[in-house]
Amino acid sequence: MITIKITDRSIRMNGHACQKSPDGIDRVCAAVSALTCNLINSLKDLTGDRIRGETASGMTVIEWEDLSDGGKLLIDSWFLGIAVIDQEYNCIQFE
């Protein structure tokens, strides 16, 4: 189970989806990771927002002080993608 906590200044994620296919690949974890890495890169490269992003196996922390409207839109877009994954695979717990 992936646990996600979203506050007005951060996103914190822990865990794994544990949805391995017969070939041993956890495509759900890969999808969540891809969306989240893209969010971090987009916030850094497409906005003037200052963020701190830290990732490791099964853990991600993204923190900010202030977000521009563009930064907020990117986070909303990321959340929509994460929510669709959860609807399909029921592997995310939101705190």
PDB file of N, CA and C in Angstrom:
ATOM      1  N   MET A   1       0.846  -1.180   0.000  1.00  0.00           N
ATOM      2  CA  MET A   1       0.000   0.000   0.000  1.00  0.00           C
ATOM      3  C   MET A   1       0.889   1.239   0.000  1.00  0.00           C
ATOM      4  N   ILE A   2       0.528   2.188  -0.836  1.00  0.00           N
ATOM      5  CA  ILE A   2       1.210   3.480  -0.874  1.00  0.00           C
ATOM      6  C   ILE A   2       0.406   4.448  -0.013  1.00  0.00           C
ATOM      7  N   THR A   3       1.074   5.128   0.889  1.00  0.00           N
ATOM      8  CA  THR A   3       0.436   6.127   1.738  1.00  0.00           C
ATOM      9  C   THR A   3       0.867   7.505   1.254  1.00  0.00           C
ATOM     10  N   ILE A   4      -0.110   8.388   1.033  1.00  0.00           N
ATOM     11  CA  ILE A   4       0.174   9.746   0.563  1.00  0.00           C
ATOM     12  C   ILE A   4      -0.460  10.740   1.527  1.00  0.00           C
ATOM     13  N   LYS A   5       0.349  11.666   1.999  1.00  0.00           N
ATOM     14  CA  LYS A   5      -0.146  12.760   2.840  1.00  0.00           C
ATOM     15  C   LYS A   5       0.160  14.064   2.112  1.00  0.00           C
ATOM     16  N   ILE A   6      -0.891  14.838   1.850  1.00  0.00           N
ATOM     17  CA  ILE A   6      -0.752  16.118   1.156  1.00  0.00           C
ATOM     18  C   ILE A   6      -1.153  17.220   2.124  1.00  0.00           C
ATOM     19  N   THR A   7      -0.254  18.195   2.302  1.00  0.00           N
ATOM     20  CA  THR A   7      -0.561  19.362   3.133  1.00  0.00           C
ATOM     21  C   THR A   7      -0.453  20.606   2.260  1.00  0.00           C
ATOM     22  N   ASP A   8      -0.631  21.767   2.857  1.00  0.00           N
ATOM     23  CA  ASP A   8      -0.524  23.006   2.073  1.00  0.00           C
ATOM     24  C   ASP A   8       0.921  23.339   1.726  1.00  0.00           C
ATOM     25  N   ARG A   9       1.898  22.595   2.264  1.00  0.00           N
ATOM     26  CA  ARG A   9       3.311  22.859   1.981  1.00  0.00           C
ATOM     27  C   ARG A   9       4.127  21.619   1.612  1.00  0.00           C
ATOM     28  N   SER A  10       3.447  20.471   1.468  1.00  0.00           N
ATOM     29  CA  SER A  10       4.234  19.274   1.155  1.00  0.00           C
ATOM     30  C   SER A  10       3.380  18.121   0.642  1.00  0.00           C
ATOM     31  N   ILE A  11       4.076  17.186   0.024  1.00  0.00           N
ATOM     32  CA  ILE A  11       3.530  15.883  -0.331  1.00  0.00           C
ATOM     33  C   ILE A  11       4.510  14.862   0.225  1.00  0.00           C
ATOM     34  N   ARG A  12       3.992  13.882   0.960  1.00  0.00           N
ATOM     35  CA  ARG A  12       4.832  12.811   1.516  1.00  0.00           C
ATOM     36  C   ARG A  12       4.226  11.478   1.108  1.00  0.00           C
ATOM     37  N   MET A  13       5.075  10.635   0.515  1.00  0.00           N
ATOM     38  CA  MET A  13       4.624   9.322   0.050  1.00  0.00           C
ATOM     39  C   MET A  13       5.533   8.248   0.627  1.00  0.00           C
ATOM     40  N   ASN A  14       4.925   7.148   1.043  1.00  0.00           N
ATOM     41  CA  ASN A  14       5.678   6.005   1.567  1.00  0.00           C
ATOM     42  C   ASN A  14       5.022   4.715   1.097  1.00  0.00           C
ATOM     43  N   GLY A  15       5.841   3.689   0.900  1.00  0.00           N
ATOM     44  CA  GLY A  15       5.321   2.356   0.615  1.00  0.00           C
ATOM     45  C   GLY A  15       5.421   1.977  -0.845  1.00  0.00           C
ATOM     46  N   HIS A  16       4.877   0.808  -1.124  1.00  0.00           N
ATOM     47  CA  HIS A  16       4.864   0.248  -2.476  1.00  0.00           C
ATOM     48  C   HIS A  16       3.467  -0.262  -2.777  1.00  0.00           C
ATOM     49  N   ALA A  17       3.128  -0.306  -4.052  1.00  0.00           N
ATOM     50  CA  ALA A  17       1.798  -0.762  -4.455  1.00  0.00           C
ATOM     51  C   ALA A  17       1.623  -2.263  -4.248  1.00  0.00           C
ATOM     52  N   CYS A  18       2.710  -3.032  -4.349  1.00  0.00           N
ATOM     53  CA  CYS A  18       2.657  -4.496  -4.188  1.00  0.00           C
ATOM     54  C   CYS A  18       1.658  -5.120  -5.149  1.00  0.00           C
ATOM     55  N   GLN A  19       1.743  -4.722  -6.401  1.00  0.00           N
ATOM     56  CA  GLN A  19       0.863  -5.221  -7.454  1.00  0.00           C
ATOM     57  C   GLN A  19       1.690  -5.872  -8.563  1.00  0.00           C
ATOM     58  N   LYS A  20       2.645  -6.707  -8.218  1.00  0.00           N
ATOM     59  CA  LYS A  20       3.530  -7.297  -9.220  1.00  0.00           C
ATOM     60  C   LYS A  20       2.748  -8.201 -10.169  1.00  0.00           C
ATOM     61  N   SER A  21       3.070  -8.062 -11.439  1.00  0.00           N
ATOM     62  CA  SER A  21       2.480  -8.926 -12.454  1.00  0.00           C
ATOM     63  C   SER A  21       3.258 -10.242 -12.485  1.00  0.00           C
ATOM     64  N   PRO A  22       2.782 -11.230 -13.222  1.00  0.00           N
ATOM     65  CA  PRO A  22       3.476 -12.518 -13.266  1.00  0.00           C
ATOM     66  C   PRO A  22       4.950 -12.420 -13.680  1.00  0.00           C
ATOM     67  N   ASP A  23       5.303 -11.374 -14.433  1.00  0.00           N
ATOM     68  CA  ASP A  23       6.703 -11.221 -14.840  1.00  0.00           C
ATOM     69  C   ASP A  23       7.553 -10.537 -13.765  1.00  0.00           C
ATOM     70  N   GLY A  24       6.945 -10.228 -12.607  1.00  0.00           N
ATOM     71  CA  GLY A  24       7.682  -9.657 -11.489  1.00  0.00           C
ATOM     72  C   GLY A  24       7.798  -8.143 -11.491  1.00  0.00           C
ATOM     73  N   ILE A  25       7.169  -7.490 -12.448  1.00  0.00           N
ATOM     74  CA  ILE A  25       7.255  -6.030 -12.538  1.00  0.00           C
ATOM     75  C   ILE A  25       6.029  -5.401 -11.872  1.00  0.00           C
ATOM     76  N   ASP A  26       6.268  -4.422 -11.018  1.00  0.00           N
ATOM     77  CA  ASP A  26       5.180  -3.695 -10.367  1.00  0.00           C
ATOM     78  C   ASP A  26       4.902  -2.438 -11.184  1.00  0.00           C
ATOM     79  N   ARG A  27       4.027  -2.586 -12.158  1.00  0.00           N
ATOM     80  CA  ARG A  27       3.724  -1.478 -13.067  1.00  0.00           C
ATOM     81  C   ARG A  27       2.976  -0.344 -12.362  1.00  0.00           C
ATOM     82  N   VAL A  28       2.223  -0.672 -11.326  1.00  0.00           N
ATOM     83  CA  VAL A  28       1.508   0.365 -10.575  1.00  0.00           C
ATOM     84  C   VAL A  28       2.516   1.263  -9.868  1.00  0.00           C
ATOM     85  N   CYS A  29       3.488   0.669  -9.203  1.00  0.00           N
ATOM     86  CA  CYS A  29       4.535   1.464  -8.548  1.00  0.00           C
ATOM     87  C   CYS A  29       5.297   2.287  -9.588  1.00  0.00           C
ATOM     88  N   ALA A  30       5.561   1.674 -10.727  1.00  0.00           N
ATOM     89  CA  ALA A  30       6.281   2.379 -11.785  1.00  0.00           C
ATOM     90  C   ALA A  30       5.473   3.584 -12.275  1.00  0.00           C
ATOM     91  N   ALA A  31       4.166   3.426 -12.404  1.00  0.00           N
ATOM     92  CA  ALA A  31       3.318   4.535 -12.862  1.00  0.00           C
ATOM     93  C   ALA A  31       3.283   5.663 -11.836  1.00  0.00           C
ATOM     94  N   VAL A  32       3.130   5.317 -10.565  1.00  0.00           N
ATOM     95  CA  VAL A  32       3.115   6.330  -9.501  1.00  0.00           C
ATOM     96  C   VAL A  32       4.466   7.046  -9.457  1.00  0.00           C
ATOM     97  N   SER A  33       5.535   6.290  -9.575  1.00  0.00           N
ATOM     98  CA  SER A  33       6.880   6.885  -9.565  1.00  0.00           C
ATOM     99  C   SER A  33       7.077   7.818 -10.757  1.00  0.00           C
ATOM    100  N   ALA A  34       6.627   7.398 -11.929  1.00  0.00           N
ATOM    101  CA  ALA A  34       6.784   8.236 -13.123  1.00  0.00           C
ATOM    102  C   ALA A  34       6.008   9.545 -12.980  1.00  0.00           C
ATOM    103  N   LEU A  35       4.771   9.458 -12.505  1.00  0.00           N
ATOM    104  CA  LEU A  35       3.988  10.683 -12.308  1.00  0.00           C
ATOM    105  C   LEU A  35       4.651  11.604 -11.294  1.00  0.00           C
ATOM    106  N   THR A  36       5.178  11.038 -10.226  1.00  0.00           N
ATOM    107  CA  THR A  36       5.765  11.840  -9.159  1.00  0.00           C
ATOM    108  C   THR A  36       7.092  12.452  -9.581  1.00  0.00           C
ATOM    109  N   CYS A  37       7.930  11.692 -10.273  1.00  0.00           N
ATOM    110  CA  CYS A  37       9.192  12.260 -10.785  1.00  0.00           C
ATOM    111  C   CYS A  37       8.904  13.364 -11.793  1.00  0.00           C
ATOM    112  N   ASN A  38       7.889  13.154 -12.623  1.00  0.00           N
ATOM    113  CA  ASN A  38       7.510  14.189 -13.585  1.00  0.00           C
ATOM    114  C   ASN A  38       7.013  15.443 -12.869  1.00  0.00           C
ATOM    115  N   LEU A  39       6.277  15.270 -11.771  1.00  0.00           N
ATOM    116  CA  LEU A  39       5.822  16.432 -10.993  1.00  0.00           C
ATOM    117  C   LEU A  39       7.016  17.218 -10.470  1.00  0.00           C
ATOM    118  N   ILE A  40       7.966  16.530  -9.869  1.00  0.00           N
ATOM    119  CA  ILE A  40       9.146  17.214  -9.323  1.00  0.00           C
ATOM    120  C   ILE A  40       9.887  17.968 -10.424  1.00  0.00           C
ATOM    121  N   ASN A  41      10.134  17.300 -11.541  1.00  0.00           N
ATOM    122  CA  ASN A  41      10.855  17.940 -12.650  1.00  0.00           C
ATOM    123  C   ASN A  41      10.071  19.113 -13.226  1.00  0.00           C
ATOM    124  N   SER A  42       8.764  18.962 -13.348  1.00  0.00           N
ATOM    125  CA  SER A  42       7.935  20.041 -13.892  1.00  0.00           C
ATOM    126  C   SER A  42       7.900  21.242 -12.969  1.00  0.00           C
ATOM    127  N   LEU A  43       7.773  21.001 -11.664  1.00  0.00           N
ATOM    128  CA  LEU A  43       7.797  22.115 -10.718  1.00  0.00           C
ATOM    129  C   LEU A  43       9.115  22.873 -10.796  1.00  0.00           C
ATOM    130  N   LYS A  44      10.218  22.136 -10.951  1.00  0.00           N
ATOM    131  CA  LYS A  44      11.536  22.773 -11.021  1.00  0.00           C
ATOM    132  C   LYS A  44      11.760  23.489 -12.347  1.00  0.00           C
ATOM    133  N   ASP A  45      11.343  22.863 -13.447  1.00  0.00           N
ATOM    134  CA  ASP A  45      11.698  23.370 -14.773  1.00  0.00           C
ATOM    135  C   ASP A  45      10.664  24.283 -15.412  1.00  0.00           C
ATOM    136  N   LEU A  46       9.408  24.167 -15.024  1.00  0.00           N
ATOM    137  CA  LEU A  46       8.350  24.926 -15.704  1.00  0.00           C
ATOM    138  C   LEU A  46       7.781  26.063 -14.878  1.00  0.00           C
ATOM    139  N   THR A  47       8.172  26.138 -13.613  1.00  0.00           N
ATOM    140  CA  THR A  47       7.698  27.243 -12.765  1.00  0.00           C
ATOM    141  C   THR A  47       8.910  27.904 -12.124  1.00  0.00           C
ATOM    142  N   GLY A  48       8.714  29.028 -11.539  1.00  0.00           N
ATOM    143  CA  GLY A  48       9.769  29.674 -10.770  1.00  0.00           C
ATOM    144  C   GLY A  48       9.721  29.261  -9.307  1.00  0.00           C
ATOM    145  N   ASP A  49       8.904  28.256  -9.009  1.00  0.00           N
ATOM    146  CA  ASP A  49       8.720  27.834  -7.625  1.00  0.00           C
ATOM    147  C   ASP A  49       9.973  27.144  -7.097  1.00  0.00           C
ATOM    148  N   ARG A  50      10.272  27.406  -5.858  1.00  0.00           N
ATOM    149  CA  ARG A  50      11.405  26.749  -5.189  1.00  0.00           C
ATOM    150  C   ARG A  50      10.864  25.584  -4.382  1.00  0.00           C
ATOM    151  N   ILE A  51      11.290  24.392  -4.756  1.00  0.00           N
ATOM    152  CA  ILE A  51      10.848  23.200  -4.055  1.00  0.00           C
ATOM    153  C   ILE A  51      12.054  22.390  -3.611  1.00  0.00           C
ATOM    154  N   ARG A  52      11.802  21.483  -2.685  1.00  0.00           N
ATOM    155  CA  ARG A  52      12.805  20.494  -2.301  1.00  0.00           C
ATOM    156  C   ARG A  52      12.171  19.137  -2.545  1.00  0.00           C
ATOM    157  N   GLY A  53      12.803  18.342  -3.373  1.00  0.00           N
ATOM    158  CA  GLY A  53      12.299  17.005  -3.655  1.00  0.00           C
ATOM    159  C   GLY A  53      13.327  15.961  -3.269  1.00  0.00           C
ATOM    160  N   GLU A  54      12.893  14.969  -2.521  1.00  0.00           N
ATOM    161  CA  GLU A  54      13.776  13.884  -2.100  1.00  0.00           C
ATOM    162  C   GLU A  54      13.073  12.569  -2.420  1.00  0.00           C
ATOM    163  N   THR A  55      13.783  11.676  -3.099  1.00  0.00           N
ATOM    164  CA  THR A  55      13.206  10.384  -3.427  1.00  0.00           C
ATOM    165  C   THR A  55      14.168   9.263  -3.062  1.00  0.00           C
ATOM    166  N   ALA A  56      13.604   8.148  -2.684  1.00  0.00           N
ATOM    167  CA  ALA A  56      14.343   6.912  -2.420  1.00  0.00           C
ATOM    168  C   ALA A  56      13.346   5.778  -2.645  1.00  0.00           C
ATOM    169  N   SER A  57      13.804   4.566  -2.568  1.00  0.00           N
ATOM    170  CA  SER A  57      12.909   3.436  -2.774  1.00  0.00           C
ATOM    171  C   SER A  57      11.778   3.464  -1.750  1.00  0.00           C
ATOM    172  N   GLY A  58      10.556   3.593  -2.245  1.00  0.00           N
ATOM    173  CA  GLY A  58       9.393   3.586  -1.362  1.00  0.00           C
ATOM    174  C   GLY A  58       9.166   4.851  -0.573  1.00  0.00           C
ATOM    175  N   MET A  59       9.828   5.958  -0.932  1.00  0.00           N
ATOM    176  CA  MET A  59       9.686   7.191  -0.170  1.00  0.00           C
ATOM    177  C   MET A  59       9.910   8.401  -1.074  1.00  0.00           C
ATOM    178  N   THR A  60       9.025   9.366  -0.970  1.00  0.00           N
ATOM    179  CA  THR A  60       9.197  10.644  -1.657  1.00  0.00           C
ATOM    180  C   THR A  60       8.691  11.755  -0.749  1.00  0.00           C
ATOM    181  N   VAL A  61       9.452  12.852  -0.705  1.00  0.00           N
ATOM    182  CA  VAL A  61       9.026  14.054   0.004  1.00  0.00           C
ATOM    183  C   VAL A  61       9.229  15.225  -0.945  1.00  0.00           C
ATOM    184  N   ILE A  62       8.175  16.018  -1.123  1.00  0.00           N
ATOM    185  CA  ILE A  62       8.253  17.255  -1.893  1.00  0.00           C
ATOM    186  C   ILE A  62       7.762  18.368  -0.975  1.00  0.00           C
ATOM    187  N   GLU A  63       8.582  19.394  -0.802  1.00  0.00           N
ATOM    188  CA  GLU A  63       8.226  20.507   0.089  1.00  0.00           C
ATOM    189  C   GLU A  63       8.389  21.829  -0.649  1.00  0.00           C
ATOM    190  N   TRP A  64       7.597  22.808  -0.248  1.00  0.00           N
ATOM    191  CA  TRP A  64       7.654  24.144  -0.832  1.00  0.00           C
ATOM    192  C   TRP A  64       7.186  25.158   0.192  1.00  0.00           C
ATOM    193  N   GLU A  65       7.531  26.418  -0.049  1.00  0.00           N
ATOM    194  CA  GLU A  65       7.047  27.516   0.806  1.00  0.00           C
ATOM    195  C   GLU A  65       5.805  28.138   0.179  1.00  0.00           C
ATOM    196  N   ASP A  66       5.931  28.593  -1.041  1.00  0.00           N
ATOM    197  CA  ASP A  66       4.824  29.182  -1.787  1.00  0.00           C
ATOM    198  C   ASP A  66       4.793  28.569  -3.172  1.00  0.00           C
ATOM    199  N   LEU A  67       3.604  28.340  -3.692  1.00  0.00           N
ATOM    200  CA  LEU A  67       3.467  27.831  -5.050  1.00  0.00           C
ATOM    201  C   LEU A  67       2.756  28.855  -5.920  1.00  0.00           C
ATOM    202  N   SER A  68       3.226  28.974  -7.129  1.00  0.00           N
ATOM    203  CA  SER A  68       2.538  29.804  -8.116  1.00  0.00           C
ATOM    204  C   SER A  68       1.262  29.090  -8.553  1.00  0.00           C
ATOM    205  N   ASP A  69       0.422  29.790  -9.303  1.00  0.00           N
ATOM    206  CA  ASP A  69      -0.774  29.149  -9.849  1.00  0.00           C
ATOM    207  C   ASP A  69      -0.383  27.979 -10.745  1.00  0.00           C
ATOM    208  N   GLY A  70       0.703  28.131 -11.494  1.00  0.00           N
ATOM    209  CA  GLY A  70       1.183  27.045 -12.340  1.00  0.00           C
ATOM    210  C   GLY A  70       1.618  25.844 -11.524  1.00  0.00           C
ATOM    211  N   GLY A  71       2.283  26.079 -10.409  1.00  0.00           N
ATOM    212  CA  GLY A  71       2.692  24.998  -9.527  1.00  0.00           C
ATOM    213  C   GLY A  71       1.494  24.268  -8.941  1.00  0.00           C
ATOM    214  N   LYS A  72       0.488  25.029  -8.555  1.00  0.00           N
ATOM    215  CA  LYS A  72      -0.728  24.413  -8.019  1.00  0.00           C
ATOM    216  C   LYS A  72      -1.426  23.571  -9.079  1.00  0.00           C
ATOM    217  N   LEU A  73      -1.432  24.062 -10.306  1.00  0.00           N
ATOM    218  CA  LEU A  73      -2.047  23.319 -11.404  1.00  0.00           C
ATOM    219  C   LEU A  73      -1.303  22.006 -11.658  1.00  0.00           C
ATOM    220  N   LEU A  74       0.021  22.055 -11.606  1.00  0.00           N
ATOM    221  CA  LEU A  74       0.803  20.829 -11.791  1.00  0.00           C
ATOM    222  C   LEU A  74       0.492  19.803 -10.696  1.00  0.00           C
ATOM    223  N   ILE A  75       0.366  20.257  -9.462  1.00  0.00           N
ATOM    224  CA  ILE A  75       0.034  19.334  -8.373  1.00  0.00           C
ATOM    225  C   ILE A  75      -1.376  18.780  -8.547  1.00  0.00           C
ATOM    226  N   ASP A  76      -2.322  19.621  -8.965  1.00  0.00           N
ATOM    227  CA  ASP A  76      -3.679  19.135  -9.221  1.00  0.00           C
ATOM    228  C   ASP A  76      -3.679  18.070 -10.325  1.00  0.00           C
ATOM    229  N   SER A  77      -2.905  18.291 -11.373  1.00  0.00           N
ATOM    230  CA  SER A  77      -2.808  17.326 -12.465  1.00  0.00           C
ATOM    231  C   SER A  77      -2.203  16.009 -11.976  1.00  0.00           C
ATOM    232  N   TRP A  78      -1.128  16.100 -11.180  1.00  0.00           N
ATOM    233  CA  TRP A  78      -0.513  14.906 -10.595  1.00  0.00           C
ATOM    234  C   TRP A  78      -1.546  14.139  -9.760  1.00  0.00           C
ATOM    235  N   PHE A  79      -2.302  14.863  -8.944  1.00  0.00           N
ATOM    236  CA  PHE A  79      -3.290  14.226  -8.082  1.00  0.00           C
ATOM    237  C   PHE A  79      -4.359  13.501  -8.895  1.00  0.00           C
ATOM    238  N   LEU A  80      -4.802  14.099  -9.992  1.00  0.00           N
ATOM    239  CA  LEU A  80      -5.789  13.427 -10.841  1.00  0.00           C
ATOM    240  C   LEU A  80      -5.246  12.095 -11.357  1.00  0.00           C
ATOM    241  N   GLY A  81      -3.997  12.081 -11.790  1.00  0.00           N
ATOM    242  CA  GLY A  81      -3.383  10.839 -12.264  1.00  0.00           C
ATOM    243  C   GLY A  81      -3.277   9.801 -11.163  1.00  0.00           C
ATOM    244  N   ILE A  82      -2.855  10.228  -9.980  1.00  0.00           N
ATOM    245  CA  ILE A  82      -2.735   9.320  -8.837  1.00  0.00           C
ATOM    246  C   ILE A  82      -4.110   8.759  -8.459  1.00  0.00           C
ATOM    247  N   ALA A  83      -5.132   9.604  -8.483  1.00  0.00           N
ATOM    248  CA  ALA A  83      -6.478   9.171  -8.119  1.00  0.00           C
ATOM    249  C   ALA A  83      -7.012   8.124  -9.096  1.00  0.00           C
ATOM    250  N   VAL A  84      -6.728   8.277 -10.383  1.00  0.00           N
ATOM    251  CA  VAL A  84      -7.168   7.296 -11.375  1.00  0.00           C
ATOM    252  C   VAL A  84      -6.476   5.950 -11.142  1.00  0.00           C
ATOM    253  N   ILE A  85      -5.186   5.991 -10.821  1.00  0.00           N
ATOM    254  CA  ILE A  85      -4.467   4.752 -10.503  1.00  0.00           C
ATOM    255  C   ILE A  85      -5.110   4.076  -9.299  1.00  0.00           C
ATOM    256  N   ASP A  86      -5.442   4.852  -8.273  1.00  0.00           N
ATOM    257  CA  ASP A  86      -6.058   4.284  -7.088  1.00  0.00           C
ATOM    258  C   ASP A  86      -7.438   3.709  -7.391  1.00  0.00           C
ATOM    259  N   GLN A  87      -8.214   4.359  -8.238  1.00  0.00           N
ATOM    260  CA  GLN A  87      -9.534   3.836  -8.605  1.00  0.00           C
ATOM    261  C   GLN A  87      -9.415   2.469  -9.267  1.00  0.00           C
ATOM    262  N   GLU A  88      -8.401   2.308 -10.087  1.00  0.00           N
ATOM    263  CA  GLU A  88      -8.220   1.060 -10.822  1.00  0.00           C
ATOM    264  C   GLU A  88      -7.625  -0.054  -9.961  1.00  0.00           C
ATOM    265  N   TYR A  89      -6.650   0.289  -9.107  1.00  0.00           N
ATOM    266  CA  TYR A  89      -5.888  -0.739  -8.396  1.00  0.00           C
ATOM    267  C   TYR A  89      -6.077  -0.748  -6.877  1.00  0.00           C
ATOM    268  N   ASN A  90      -6.756   0.250  -6.334  1.00  0.00           N
ATOM    269  CA  ASN A  90      -7.021   0.333  -4.895  1.00  0.00           C
ATOM    270  C   ASN A  90      -5.769   0.056  -4.055  1.00  0.00           C
ATOM    271  N   CYS A  91      -4.730   0.844  -4.322  1.00  0.00           N
ATOM    272  CA  CYS A  91      -3.441   0.592  -3.674  1.00  0.00           C
ATOM    273  C   CYS A  91      -2.877   1.820  -2.970  1.00  0.00           C
ATOM    274  N   ILE A  92      -3.690   2.867  -2.853  1.00  0.00           N
ATOM    275  CA  ILE A  92      -3.203   4.119  -2.261  1.00  0.00           C
ATOM    276  C   ILE A  92      -4.121   4.496  -1.103  1.00  0.00           C
ATOM    277  N   GLN A  93      -3.492   4.858  -0.002  1.00  0.00           N
ATOM    278  CA  GLN A  93      -4.228   5.366   1.165  1.00  0.00           C
ATOM    279  C   GLN A  93      -3.879   6.836   1.318  1.00  0.00           C
ATOM    280  N   PHE A  94      -4.886   7.690   1.301  1.00  0.00           N
ATOM    281  CA  PHE A  94      -4.661   9.124   1.477  1.00  0.00           C
ATOM    282  C   PHE A  94      -4.879   9.481   2.947  1.00  0.00           C
ATOM    283  N   GLU A  95      -3.939  10.221   3.500  1.00  0.00           N
ATOM    284  CA  GLU A  95      -4.067  10.653   4.901  1.00  0.00           C
ATOM    285  C   GLU A  95      -4.487  12.093   4.972  1.00  0.00           C
TER     286      GLU A  95
END
